[in-house]
């Protein structure tokens, strides 16, 4: 699903959305609660920015119980993919390191305390992909 370049750049015009994309580039899939904790933002703000990225055609989402999970679209156009690959370099290594640390700290806490983020309908705790 490709959209025009102006829509892509509008989606990338916010620091929170850039941070979200950088985290997804590293982890593959994350729950909305992961963004809340890693970026220290509220659920409403996280959901609003994630919805913007979904509507821009950059992310897919799926529900796991009450929690929404997000990932980069696999069918991005070549131009979209090239721009997204540039995001980590644009953010800078220091900022990326802070994002990684914050997310890893949260994921460790979440793994050690099942139910921290909530339980899906299947009874499984909300865990990021790969956990």
N, C-alpha and C. Protein backbone atom coordinates (compact mmCIF):
# COMPACT_ATOMS: atom_id res chain seq x y z
N UNK A 1 0.85 -1.18 0.00
CA UNK A 1 0.00 0.00 0.00
C UNK A 1 0.89 1.24 0.00
N UNK A 2 0.96 1.91 -1.12
CA UNK A 2 1.82 3.08 -1.22
C UNK A 2 0.97 4.34 -1.21
N UNK A 3 1.49 5.35 -0.61
CA UNK A 3 0.85 6.65 -0.53
C UNK A 3 1.85 7.66 -1.11
N UNK A 4 1.40 8.87 -1.32
CA UNK A 4 2.27 9.90 -1.88
C UNK A 4 3.36 10.32 -0.92
N UNK A 5 4.41 10.92 -1.46
CA UNK A 5 5.54 11.34 -0.61
C UNK A 5 5.15 12.39 0.42
N UNK A 6 4.19 13.26 0.10
CA UNK A 6 3.80 14.27 1.09
C UNK A 6 3.16 13.62 2.31
N UNK A 7 2.37 12.56 2.11
CA UNK A 7 1.76 11.85 3.25
C UNK A 7 2.83 11.15 4.09
N UNK A 8 3.84 10.58 3.42
CA UNK A 8 4.93 9.93 4.14
C UNK A 8 5.66 10.94 5.01
N UNK A 9 6.01 12.07 4.44
CA UNK A 9 6.76 13.06 5.21
C UNK A 9 5.93 13.72 6.30
N UNK A 10 4.62 13.85 6.09
CA UNK A 10 3.76 14.33 7.18
C UNK A 10 3.79 13.35 8.34
N UNK A 11 3.75 12.06 8.03
CA UNK A 11 3.79 11.04 9.09
C UNK A 11 5.10 11.08 9.85
N UNK A 12 6.16 11.49 9.19
CA UNK A 12 7.49 11.53 9.82
C UNK A 12 7.81 12.88 10.44
N UNK A 13 6.85 13.78 10.45
CA UNK A 13 7.11 15.15 10.90
C UNK A 13 6.95 15.34 12.41
N UNK A 14 6.89 14.27 13.16
CA UNK A 14 6.69 14.36 14.61
C UNK A 14 7.72 13.47 15.31
N UNK A 15 8.36 14.00 16.35
CA UNK A 15 9.41 13.26 17.05
C UNK A 15 8.89 11.97 17.67
N UNK A 16 7.70 12.00 18.22
CA UNK A 16 7.13 10.78 18.83
C UNK A 16 6.98 9.68 17.78
N UNK A 17 6.48 10.03 16.62
CA UNK A 17 6.30 9.03 15.56
C UNK A 17 7.64 8.52 15.05
N UNK A 18 8.64 9.39 14.96
CA UNK A 18 9.98 8.95 14.55
C UNK A 18 10.54 7.96 15.58
N UNK A 19 10.35 8.27 16.86
CA UNK A 19 10.82 7.37 17.93
C UNK A 19 10.11 6.02 17.84
N UNK A 20 8.82 6.04 17.59
CA UNK A 20 8.05 4.80 17.46
C UNK A 20 8.58 3.96 16.30
N UNK A 21 8.83 4.61 15.18
CA UNK A 21 9.35 3.89 14.02
C UNK A 21 10.73 3.31 14.30
N UNK A 22 11.57 4.06 14.99
CA UNK A 22 12.90 3.56 15.33
C UNK A 22 12.80 2.31 16.20
N UNK A 23 11.89 2.32 17.16
CA UNK A 23 11.71 1.15 18.03
C UNK A 23 11.20 -0.04 17.23
N UNK A 24 10.28 0.21 16.32
CA UNK A 24 9.75 -0.89 15.50
C UNK A 24 10.82 -1.43 14.54
N UNK A 25 11.66 -0.57 14.03
CA UNK A 25 12.75 -1.02 13.16
C UNK A 25 13.67 -1.98 13.90
N UNK A 26 13.82 -1.77 15.19
CA UNK A 26 14.69 -2.63 16.00
C UNK A 26 14.00 -3.89 16.50
N UNK A 27 12.74 -3.79 16.89
CA UNK A 27 12.05 -4.91 17.56
C UNK A 27 11.08 -5.67 16.67
N UNK A 28 10.63 -5.10 15.60
CA UNK A 28 9.71 -5.79 14.71
C UNK A 28 8.26 -5.56 15.05
N UNK A 29 7.85 -5.89 16.25
CA UNK A 29 6.47 -5.70 16.70
C UNK A 29 6.48 -5.31 18.15
N UNK A 30 5.60 -4.36 18.49
CA UNK A 30 5.47 -3.91 19.87
C UNK A 30 4.01 -3.66 20.21
N UNK A 31 3.70 -3.83 21.47
CA UNK A 31 2.37 -3.54 22.00
C UNK A 31 2.28 -2.04 22.30
N UNK A 32 1.09 -1.51 22.28
CA UNK A 32 0.91 -0.09 22.60
C UNK A 32 1.49 0.22 23.98
N UNK A 33 1.40 -0.71 24.92
CA UNK A 33 1.94 -0.45 26.26
C UNK A 33 3.46 -0.30 26.22
N UNK A 34 4.12 -0.96 25.26
CA UNK A 34 5.57 -0.82 25.14
C UNK A 34 5.95 0.61 24.75
N UNK A 35 5.18 1.19 23.85
CA UNK A 35 5.44 2.58 23.46
C UNK A 35 5.18 3.53 24.63
N UNK A 36 4.09 3.27 25.36
CA UNK A 36 3.75 4.11 26.51
C UNK A 36 4.92 4.17 27.48
N UNK A 37 5.44 3.00 27.83
CA UNK A 37 6.49 2.93 28.84
C UNK A 37 7.84 3.40 28.31
N UNK A 38 8.22 2.97 27.12
CA UNK A 38 9.52 3.33 26.57
C UNK A 38 9.64 4.83 26.30
N UNK A 39 8.53 5.43 25.86
CA UNK A 39 8.55 6.86 25.51
C UNK A 39 7.99 7.74 26.62
N UNK A 40 7.51 7.12 27.70
CA UNK A 40 6.92 7.86 28.82
C UNK A 40 5.81 8.78 28.34
N UNK A 41 4.85 8.19 27.63
CA UNK A 41 3.69 8.94 27.15
C UNK A 41 2.43 8.19 27.55
N UNK A 42 1.33 8.86 27.53
CA UNK A 42 0.06 8.24 27.90
C UNK A 42 -0.50 7.38 26.78
N UNK A 43 -1.47 6.54 27.14
CA UNK A 43 -2.09 5.63 26.19
C UNK A 43 -2.76 6.39 25.05
N UNK A 44 -3.42 7.48 25.36
CA UNK A 44 -4.12 8.26 24.35
C UNK A 44 -3.14 8.83 23.32
N UNK A 45 -2.05 9.39 23.79
CA UNK A 45 -1.05 9.95 22.88
C UNK A 45 -0.41 8.85 22.05
N UNK A 46 -0.06 7.74 22.68
CA UNK A 46 0.55 6.63 21.94
C UNK A 46 -0.40 6.13 20.86
N UNK A 47 -1.64 5.90 21.22
CA UNK A 47 -2.62 5.39 20.26
C UNK A 47 -2.86 6.36 19.11
N UNK A 48 -2.92 7.64 19.42
CA UNK A 48 -3.15 8.65 18.39
C UNK A 48 -2.01 8.65 17.36
N UNK A 49 -0.77 8.62 17.84
CA UNK A 49 0.38 8.63 16.93
C UNK A 49 0.49 7.32 16.15
N UNK A 50 0.21 6.21 16.79
CA UNK A 50 0.24 4.93 16.10
C UNK A 50 -0.84 4.86 15.02
N UNK A 51 -2.02 5.38 15.33
CA UNK A 51 -3.11 5.40 14.34
C UNK A 51 -2.70 6.26 13.15
N UNK A 52 -2.01 7.37 13.40
CA UNK A 52 -1.53 8.22 12.31
C UNK A 52 -0.60 7.43 11.39
N UNK A 53 0.30 6.64 11.98
CA UNK A 53 1.24 5.84 11.18
C UNK A 53 0.54 4.72 10.43
N UNK A 54 -0.49 4.14 11.04
CA UNK A 54 -1.30 3.12 10.35
C UNK A 54 -2.01 3.76 9.16
N UNK A 55 -2.65 4.90 9.39
CA UNK A 55 -3.38 5.59 8.33
C UNK A 55 -2.47 6.07 7.20
N UNK A 56 -1.20 6.33 7.52
CA UNK A 56 -0.24 6.74 6.50
C UNK A 56 0.28 5.55 5.70
N UNK A 57 -0.15 4.35 6.10
CA UNK A 57 0.25 3.15 5.36
C UNK A 57 1.59 2.58 5.77
N UNK A 58 2.13 3.00 6.91
CA UNK A 58 3.44 2.53 7.35
C UNK A 58 3.39 1.33 8.28
N UNK A 59 2.29 1.21 9.04
CA UNK A 59 2.19 0.15 10.05
C UNK A 59 0.96 -0.72 9.81
N UNK A 60 1.04 -1.92 10.34
CA UNK A 60 -0.12 -2.78 10.47
C UNK A 60 -0.40 -2.92 11.96
N UNK A 61 -1.61 -3.29 12.28
CA UNK A 61 -1.95 -3.50 13.68
C UNK A 61 -2.83 -4.72 13.81
N UNK A 62 -2.80 -5.31 14.98
CA UNK A 62 -3.73 -6.39 15.29
C UNK A 62 -3.98 -6.39 16.78
N UNK A 63 -5.16 -6.85 17.12
CA UNK A 63 -5.59 -6.88 18.52
C UNK A 63 -5.23 -8.22 19.14
N UNK A 64 -4.71 -8.17 20.35
CA UNK A 64 -4.43 -9.36 21.15
C UNK A 64 -5.14 -9.11 22.47
N UNK A 65 -6.32 -9.63 22.61
CA UNK A 65 -7.13 -9.33 23.80
C UNK A 65 -7.51 -7.85 23.76
N UNK A 66 -7.18 -7.13 24.81
CA UNK A 66 -7.49 -5.70 24.85
C UNK A 66 -6.33 -4.86 24.32
N UNK A 67 -5.20 -5.49 24.01
CA UNK A 67 -4.00 -4.75 23.61
C UNK A 67 -3.80 -4.76 22.11
N UNK A 68 -3.41 -3.61 21.58
CA UNK A 68 -3.09 -3.49 20.16
C UNK A 68 -1.58 -3.64 19.97
N UNK A 69 -1.23 -4.38 18.94
CA UNK A 69 0.18 -4.59 18.58
C UNK A 69 0.42 -3.99 17.21
N UNK A 70 1.63 -3.45 17.02
CA UNK A 70 1.96 -2.74 15.79
C UNK A 70 3.26 -3.25 15.22
N UNK A 71 3.33 -3.24 13.88
CA UNK A 71 4.54 -3.64 13.17
C UNK A 71 4.61 -2.84 11.88
N UNK A 72 5.81 -2.74 11.32
CA UNK A 72 5.96 -2.11 10.02
C UNK A 72 5.28 -2.97 8.97
N UNK A 73 4.67 -2.34 8.00
CA UNK A 73 4.04 -3.08 6.90
C UNK A 73 5.12 -3.82 6.13
N UNK A 74 4.80 -5.00 5.70
CA UNK A 74 5.75 -5.78 4.90
C UNK A 74 5.70 -5.41 3.43
N UNK A 75 4.63 -4.75 3.02
CA UNK A 75 4.46 -4.43 1.61
C UNK A 75 4.73 -2.95 1.30
N UNK A 76 5.66 -2.35 2.05
CA UNK A 76 6.01 -0.95 1.80
C UNK A 76 6.66 -0.81 0.43
N UNK A 77 6.45 0.33 -0.19
CA UNK A 77 7.10 0.61 -1.46
C UNK A 77 8.59 0.85 -1.24
N UNK A 78 9.34 0.82 -2.31
CA UNK A 78 10.79 1.00 -2.21
C UNK A 78 11.14 2.37 -1.64
N UNK A 79 10.41 3.41 -2.04
CA UNK A 79 10.68 4.75 -1.53
C UNK A 79 10.41 4.83 -0.02
N UNK A 80 9.28 4.26 0.41
CA UNK A 80 8.94 4.26 1.84
C UNK A 80 10.00 3.51 2.63
N UNK A 81 10.41 2.36 2.14
CA UNK A 81 11.42 1.56 2.83
C UNK A 81 12.73 2.31 2.95
N UNK A 82 13.14 2.98 1.88
CA UNK A 82 14.40 3.73 1.90
C UNK A 82 14.35 4.86 2.93
N UNK A 83 13.23 5.56 2.99
CA UNK A 83 13.09 6.65 3.96
C UNK A 83 13.11 6.10 5.37
N UNK A 84 12.40 5.00 5.62
CA UNK A 84 12.37 4.43 6.97
C UNK A 84 13.75 3.92 7.41
N UNK A 85 14.50 3.36 6.47
CA UNK A 85 15.86 2.90 6.82
C UNK A 85 16.74 4.06 7.27
N UNK A 86 16.42 5.27 6.83
CA UNK A 86 17.22 6.44 7.20
C UNK A 86 16.87 6.99 8.59
N UNK A 87 15.74 6.59 9.13
CA UNK A 87 15.27 7.15 10.41
C UNK A 87 16.30 7.00 11.54
N UNK A 88 16.86 5.81 11.78
CA UNK A 88 17.82 5.70 12.89
C UNK A 88 19.01 6.66 12.75
N UNK A 89 19.54 6.80 11.56
CA UNK A 89 20.65 7.72 11.36
C UNK A 89 20.27 9.16 11.61
N UNK A 90 19.05 9.52 11.27
CA UNK A 90 18.58 10.88 11.48
C UNK A 90 18.39 11.19 12.96
N UNK A 91 18.02 10.19 13.74
CA UNK A 91 17.78 10.40 15.17
C UNK A 91 19.09 10.55 15.94
N UNK A 92 20.14 9.95 15.44
CA UNK A 92 21.43 10.04 16.12
C UNK A 92 21.63 8.90 17.09
N UNK A 93 22.89 8.49 17.23
CA UNK A 93 23.23 7.34 18.06
C UNK A 93 22.88 7.53 19.54
N UNK A 94 23.10 8.72 20.06
CA UNK A 94 22.81 8.97 21.48
C UNK A 94 21.32 8.82 21.77
N UNK A 95 20.50 9.40 20.92
CA UNK A 95 19.05 9.29 21.11
C UNK A 95 18.59 7.85 20.94
N UNK A 96 19.12 7.16 19.93
CA UNK A 96 18.76 5.75 19.72
C UNK A 96 19.13 4.90 20.92
N UNK A 97 20.29 5.15 21.48
CA UNK A 97 20.73 4.41 22.66
C UNK A 97 19.77 4.63 23.82
N UNK A 98 19.32 5.86 24.01
CA UNK A 98 18.35 6.15 25.08
C UNK A 98 17.03 5.41 24.83
N UNK A 99 16.58 5.41 23.58
CA UNK A 99 15.34 4.69 23.25
C UNK A 99 15.49 3.20 23.52
N UNK A 100 16.60 2.62 23.08
CA UNK A 100 16.86 1.19 23.30
C UNK A 100 16.87 0.85 24.78
N UNK A 101 17.60 1.65 25.55
CA UNK A 101 17.69 1.40 26.99
C UNK A 101 16.33 1.46 27.66
N UNK A 102 15.57 2.47 27.32
CA UNK A 102 14.26 2.64 27.91
C UNK A 102 13.35 1.46 27.57
N UNK A 103 13.36 1.05 26.30
CA UNK A 103 12.53 -0.08 25.89
C UNK A 103 13.01 -1.37 26.55
N UNK A 104 14.29 -1.63 26.53
CA UNK A 104 14.82 -2.87 27.12
C UNK A 104 14.53 -2.94 28.62
N UNK A 105 14.65 -1.81 29.29
CA UNK A 105 14.34 -1.76 30.73
C UNK A 105 12.88 -2.14 30.96
N UNK A 106 11.99 -1.57 30.16
CA UNK A 106 10.57 -1.87 30.28
C UNK A 106 10.29 -3.33 29.96
N UNK A 107 10.86 -3.84 28.86
CA UNK A 107 10.59 -5.23 28.47
C UNK A 107 11.08 -6.21 29.53
N UNK A 108 12.19 -5.88 30.16
CA UNK A 108 12.71 -6.73 31.25
C UNK A 108 11.72 -6.72 32.42
N UNK A 109 11.25 -5.54 32.79
CA UNK A 109 10.27 -5.41 33.89
C UNK A 109 9.00 -6.17 33.54
N UNK A 110 8.53 -6.02 32.32
CA UNK A 110 7.29 -6.66 31.90
C UNK A 110 7.44 -8.18 31.93
N UNK A 111 8.58 -8.68 31.51
CA UNK A 111 8.82 -10.12 31.49
C UNK A 111 8.89 -10.69 32.91
N UNK A 112 9.49 -9.92 33.82
CA UNK A 112 9.65 -10.36 35.21
C UNK A 112 8.36 -10.25 36.01
N UNK A 113 7.43 -9.42 35.54
CA UNK A 113 6.18 -9.20 36.25
C UNK A 113 5.02 -9.45 35.30
N UNK A 114 4.68 -10.72 35.07
CA UNK A 114 3.57 -11.02 34.15
C UNK A 114 2.31 -10.27 34.55
N UNK A 115 1.59 -9.80 33.55
CA UNK A 115 0.37 -9.05 33.81
C UNK A 115 0.61 -7.57 33.95
N UNK A 116 1.88 -7.14 33.92
CA UNK A 116 2.19 -5.72 34.05
C UNK A 116 1.47 -4.92 32.99
N UNK A 117 1.49 -5.45 31.79
CA UNK A 117 0.87 -4.76 30.66
C UNK A 117 -0.56 -5.23 30.48
N UNK A 118 -0.89 -6.31 31.07
CA UNK A 118 -2.23 -6.85 30.91
C UNK A 118 -2.19 -8.26 30.34
N UNK A 119 -3.28 -8.90 30.33
CA UNK A 119 -3.39 -10.25 29.80
C UNK A 119 -4.26 -10.23 28.56
N UNK A 120 -3.89 -11.03 27.60
CA UNK A 120 -4.74 -11.17 26.42
C UNK A 120 -5.91 -12.09 26.78
N UNK A 121 -6.85 -12.22 25.88
CA UNK A 121 -7.99 -13.11 26.13
C UNK A 121 -7.53 -14.55 26.24
N UNK A 122 -6.39 -14.86 25.62
CA UNK A 122 -5.87 -16.23 25.69
C UNK A 122 -5.23 -16.50 27.04
N UNK A 123 -5.12 -15.44 27.88
CA UNK A 123 -4.52 -15.62 29.19
C UNK A 123 -3.02 -15.37 29.19
N UNK A 124 -2.45 -15.18 27.99
CA UNK A 124 -1.02 -14.91 27.90
C UNK A 124 -0.77 -13.45 28.22
N UNK A 125 0.34 -13.16 28.90
CA UNK A 125 0.67 -11.75 29.13
C UNK A 125 1.05 -11.09 27.82
N UNK A 126 0.85 -9.81 27.75
CA UNK A 126 1.25 -9.05 26.56
C UNK A 126 2.77 -8.99 26.54
N UNK A 127 3.37 -9.65 25.56
CA UNK A 127 4.82 -9.62 25.42
C UNK A 127 5.18 -9.16 24.02
N UNK A 128 6.30 -8.47 23.91
CA UNK A 128 6.76 -8.05 22.59
C UNK A 128 7.22 -9.27 21.80
N UNK A 129 7.23 -9.12 20.50
CA UNK A 129 7.70 -10.20 19.63
C UNK A 129 9.11 -10.60 20.05
N UNK A 130 9.34 -11.89 20.10
CA UNK A 130 10.66 -12.38 20.46
C UNK A 130 10.85 -12.63 21.94
N UNK A 131 9.91 -12.19 22.78
CA UNK A 131 10.03 -12.43 24.23
C UNK A 131 9.49 -13.79 24.60
